[in-house]
Amino acid sequence: MHNYSVQSHTSPVPSPTSVARPSGVRMRRVLQQAPPEGDIFQAAASGDRDWLLLSLRNVSCPKQTDKQGLSLLHVAAMHGHLGCLKLLLESCGAGGDVNGSCPPRPEAHTHGGAHTALDLARVWGHRAIARFLKDSMWQEENQRQVERHNELLKLRQTLVRIHQQMQDETKVARQAISEQRVEEWARLKGLPLPQPAPKKHPVPRLHPPLHC
């Protein structure tokens, strides 16, 4: 079990920010020796942006989860670290989906179901974190709606273009069939073939003379 794991509400609430931060040479040694997944989750739990940013650069899959099914967003939200949350969301979604869920937590006291980072922030009373995550979830949902609207608009334009193209092709085909029938009828009657109608050229528009 990781050092950043949170105890149940049945016991006194511990301080989630009590995770110690390595400094100087010790931090570099930890980054070299500790497993990447353990280091990056410890960084998210400590609330140290510099440590977390450095850890993000040393892992190949920042969207991984720990043994308890927690993502980096879950850990940062559970410990009340707004700076780490912003860093995770700004780093190309490094921390995962803001709507992502983890397995049910015993301290949540809810009837089944998985929990989002917002749920854990509310459980531990981090109101600023909860407001930030709620706003982020709204923005993400709004962005998805905009993208969906744009996709539907592009699909509609494509269907209109295909429909117009099919109409033009049908019109050309009908015109060709009509001309072919007229030619066959003229040959059958011994009549000269009808000449194609001359193309109409646009008449230049004459401008009235200017009076000085």
Protein backbone atom coordinates (compact mmCIF):
# COMPACT_ATOMS: atom_id res chain seq x y z
CA MET A 1 0.00 0.00 0.00
CA HIS A 2 1.29 3.44 -0.92
CA ASN A 3 2.16 6.06 1.64
CA TYR A 4 -0.35 8.46 0.13
CA SER A 5 -3.36 6.17 0.74
CA VAL A 6 -6.13 7.79 2.77
CA GLN A 7 -7.71 6.23 5.85
CA SER A 8 -11.42 5.81 6.54
CA HIS A 9 -13.58 8.51 8.15
CA THR A 10 -14.13 6.17 11.07
CA SER A 11 -10.76 7.37 12.42
CA PRO A 12 -9.51 10.96 12.84
CA VAL A 13 -8.93 12.58 9.48
CA PRO A 14 -5.19 12.69 8.77
CA SER A 15 -3.54 15.63 7.06
CA PRO A 16 -3.29 14.64 3.38
CA THR A 17 -0.47 17.14 2.89
CA SER A 18 1.79 15.32 5.31
CA VAL A 19 3.67 13.53 2.52
CA ALA A 20 7.28 14.64 2.75
CA ARG A 21 9.06 16.07 -0.26
CA PRO A 22 12.60 14.94 -1.12
CA SER A 23 14.92 17.85 -1.77
CA GLY A 24 18.15 18.41 -3.67
CA VAL A 25 20.29 15.33 -4.20
CA ARG A 26 17.73 13.13 -2.44
CA MET A 27 15.04 14.05 -4.98
CA ARG A 28 17.33 13.12 -7.86
CA ARG A 29 18.20 9.85 -6.11
CA VAL A 30 14.51 9.05 -5.60
CA LEU A 31 13.76 9.76 -9.25
CA GLN A 32 16.54 7.38 -10.26
CA GLN A 33 15.81 4.53 -7.83
CA ALA A 34 12.06 4.55 -7.07
CA PRO A 35 9.61 2.93 -9.50
CA PRO A 36 8.18 5.58 -11.87
CA GLU A 37 4.57 4.89 -10.91
CA GLY A 38 5.32 5.14 -7.18
CA ASP A 39 7.32 8.32 -7.59
CA ILE A 40 4.77 10.16 -9.67
CA PHE A 41 1.91 9.33 -7.30
CA GLN A 42 4.00 10.42 -4.33
CA ALA A 43 4.65 13.69 -6.16
CA ALA A 44 0.92 14.23 -6.77
CA ALA A 45 0.19 13.48 -3.11
CA SER A 46 2.88 15.84 -1.82
CA GLY A 47 1.52 18.87 -3.66
CA ASP A 48 4.93 19.81 -5.04
CA ARG A 49 4.49 21.06 -8.61
CA ASP A 50 8.19 20.93 -9.44
CA TRP A 51 8.51 17.35 -8.24
CA LEU A 52 5.35 16.37 -10.12
CA LEU A 53 6.48 18.10 -13.31
CA LEU A 54 9.86 16.36 -13.12
CA SER A 55 8.15 13.02 -12.45
CA LEU A 56 5.83 13.48 -15.44
CA ARG A 57 8.88 13.78 -17.66
CA ASN A 58 10.26 10.47 -16.40
CA VAL A 59 7.24 8.23 -17.02
CA SER A 60 6.01 6.74 -20.26
CA CYS A 61 2.33 6.44 -19.30
CA PRO A 62 1.16 9.30 -17.04
CA LYS A 63 -2.47 8.14 -17.33
CA GLN A 64 -1.75 4.97 -15.38
CA THR A 65 -3.49 4.12 -12.12
CA ASP A 66 -2.10 2.76 -8.89
CA LYS A 67 -2.94 -0.56 -7.22
CA GLN A 68 -6.10 0.97 -5.74
CA GLY A 69 -7.32 2.18 -9.14
CA LEU A 70 -6.58 5.84 -8.41
CA SER A 71 -5.36 8.16 -11.12
CA LEU A 72 -3.10 11.14 -10.57
CA LEU A 73 -6.15 13.41 -10.58
CA HIS A 74 -7.77 11.32 -7.87
CA VAL A 75 -4.66 11.48 -5.67
CA ALA A 76 -4.19 15.24 -6.12
CA ALA A 77 -7.88 15.92 -5.48
CA MET A 78 -8.00 13.66 -2.43
CA HIS A 79 -5.06 15.56 -0.90
CA GLY A 80 -6.38 18.99 -1.85
CA HIS A 81 -3.58 20.14 -4.16
CA LEU A 82 -5.07 22.62 -6.62
CA GLY A 83 -1.71 23.46 -8.20
CA CYS A 84 -1.04 19.83 -9.04
CA LEU A 85 -4.52 19.43 -10.49
CA LYS A 86 -4.02 22.40 -12.79
CA LEU A 87 -0.63 21.06 -13.84
CA LEU A 88 -2.06 17.64 -14.64
CA LEU A 89 -4.90 19.07 -16.71
CA GLU A 90 -2.62 21.52 -18.52
CA SER A 91 0.01 18.90 -19.38
CA CYS A 92 -1.92 17.57 -22.40
CA GLY A 93 -4.28 15.61 -20.20
CA ALA A 94 -1.40 13.86 -18.49
CA GLY A 95 -3.45 13.12 -15.41
CA GLY A 96 -6.27 11.45 -17.28
CA ASP A 97 -9.90 12.26 -17.86
CA VAL A 98 -11.41 14.71 -15.38
CA ASN A 99 -14.56 12.57 -15.55
CA GLY A 100 -12.62 9.35 -14.96
CA SER A 101 -13.80 7.13 -12.13
CA CYS A 102 -12.00 4.96 -9.61
CA PRO A 103 -13.32 1.97 -7.63
CA PRO A 104 -15.60 2.79 -4.67
CA ARG A 105 -13.72 4.21 -1.68
CA PRO A 106 -14.62 3.10 1.88
CA GLU A 107 -14.48 6.66 3.18
CA ALA A 108 -17.12 7.84 0.67
CA HIS A 109 -20.02 6.13 2.48
CA THR A 110 -22.00 5.81 -0.75
CA HIS A 111 -24.05 2.92 -2.04
CA GLY A 112 -21.78 1.35 -4.66
CA GLY A 113 -20.62 3.01 -7.85
CA ALA A 114 -17.25 4.44 -8.82
CA HIS A 115 -16.03 7.86 -7.77
CA THR A 116 -14.58 10.74 -9.73
CA ALA A 117 -11.92 13.16 -8.54
CA LEU A 118 -14.76 15.57 -7.77
CA ASP A 119 -16.38 13.00 -5.47
CA LEU A 120 -13.16 12.51 -3.51
CA ALA A 121 -12.61 16.27 -3.22
CA ARG A 122 -16.10 16.64 -1.76
CA VAL A 123 -15.60 13.74 0.62
CA TRP A 124 -12.46 15.32 2.05
CA GLY A 125 -13.94 18.81 2.21
CA HIS A 126 -11.71 20.46 -0.39
CA ARG A 127 -14.22 23.03 -1.62
CA ALA A 128 -11.83 24.96 -3.86
CA ILE A 129 -10.79 21.70 -5.51
CA ALA A 130 -14.43 20.68 -5.94
CA ARG A 131 -15.32 24.02 -7.57
CA PHE A 132 -12.33 23.82 -9.88
CA LEU A 133 -13.11 20.24 -10.93
CA LYS A 134 -16.79 21.02 -11.44
CA ASP A 135 -15.87 23.93 -13.68
CA SER A 136 -13.35 21.76 -15.56
CA MET A 137 -15.96 19.04 -16.07
CA TRP A 138 -18.42 21.64 -17.39
CA GLN A 139 -15.82 23.03 -19.79
CA GLU A 140 -14.92 19.54 -20.98
CA GLU A 141 -18.56 18.67 -21.57
CA ASN A 142 -19.14 21.97 -23.34
CA GLN A 143 -16.10 21.33 -25.54
CA ARG A 144 -17.44 17.89 -26.43
CA GLN A 145 -20.79 19.45 -27.35
CA VAL A 146 -19.07 22.00 -29.58
CA GLU A 147 -17.00 19.29 -31.27
CA ARG A 148 -20.11 17.17 -31.76
CA HIS A 149 -21.96 20.13 -33.24
CA ASN A 150 -19.08 20.81 -35.64
CA GLU A 151 -18.98 17.14 -36.67
CA LEU A 152 -22.72 17.17 -37.39
CA LEU A 153 -22.36 20.41 -39.34
CA LYS A 154 -19.56 18.92 -41.46
CA LEU A 155 -21.64 15.77 -42.02
CA ARG A 156 -24.61 17.87 -43.13
CA GLN A 157 -22.45 19.86 -45.55
CA THR A 158 -21.03 16.63 -46.96
CA LEU A 159 -24.49 15.11 -47.43
CA VAL A 160 -25.76 18.29 -49.12
CA ARG A 161 -22.76 18.28 -51.47
CA ILE A 162 -23.26 14.59 -52.31
CA HIS A 163 -26.99 15.15 -52.90
CA GLN A 164 -26.29 18.09 -55.22
CA GLN A 165 -23.66 16.07 -57.09
CA MET A 166 -26.11 13.19 -57.57
CA GLN A 167 -28.76 15.60 -58.85
CA ASP A 168 -26.32 17.08 -61.36
CA GLU A 169 -25.24 13.62 -62.55
CA THR A 170 -28.89 12.52 -62.90
CA LYS A 171 -29.70 15.65 -64.88
CA VAL A 172 -26.77 15.05 -67.26
CA ALA A 173 -27.75 11.38 -67.70
CA ARG A 174 -31.37 12.26 -68.48
CA GLN A 175 -30.27 14.88 -70.98
CA ALA A 176 -28.00 12.36 -72.71
CA ILE A 177 -30.81 9.78 -72.90
CA SER A 178 -33.21 12.38 -74.29
CA GLU A 179 -30.75 13.46 -76.99
CA GLN A 180 -30.05 9.83 -77.91
CA ARG A 181 -33.79 9.12 -78.37
CA VAL A 182 -34.24 12.21 -80.52
CA GLU A 183 -31.32 11.16 -82.75
CA GLU A 184 -32.76 7.63 -83.11
CA TRP A 185 -36.18 9.05 -84.04
CA ALA A 186 -34.64 11.43 -86.60
CA ARG A 187 -32.67 8.62 -88.26
CA LEU A 188 -35.80 6.45 -88.36
CA LYS A 189 -37.74 9.23 -90.11
CA GLY A 190 -34.85 10.20 -92.39
CA LEU A 191 -34.68 13.66 -90.95
CA PRO A 192 -31.52 15.67 -90.38
CA LEU A 193 -30.08 15.39 -86.95
CA PRO A 194 -30.88 18.34 -84.71
CA GLN A 195 -27.98 20.72 -84.20
CA PRO A 196 -26.91 21.45 -80.65
CA ALA A 197 -28.11 24.77 -79.36
CA PRO A 198 -25.42 27.47 -79.45
CA LYS A 199 -23.96 28.42 -76.16
CA LYS A 200 -25.18 31.66 -74.75
CA HIS A 201 -22.48 34.18 -74.07
CA PRO A 202 -23.07 36.83 -71.46
CA VAL A 203 -23.89 40.20 -72.94
CA PRO A 204 -21.46 42.86 -71.75
CA ARG A 205 -23.10 45.47 -69.67
CA LEU A 206 -22.81 48.98 -71.10
CA HIS A 207 -22.17 51.77 -68.65
CA PRO A 208 -23.70 55.18 -69.31
CA PRO A 209 -21.23 57.89 -70.34
CA LEU A 210 -19.93 60.08 -67.61
CA HIS A 211 -20.95 63.74 -67.79
CA CYS A 212 -18.39 66.29 -66.83
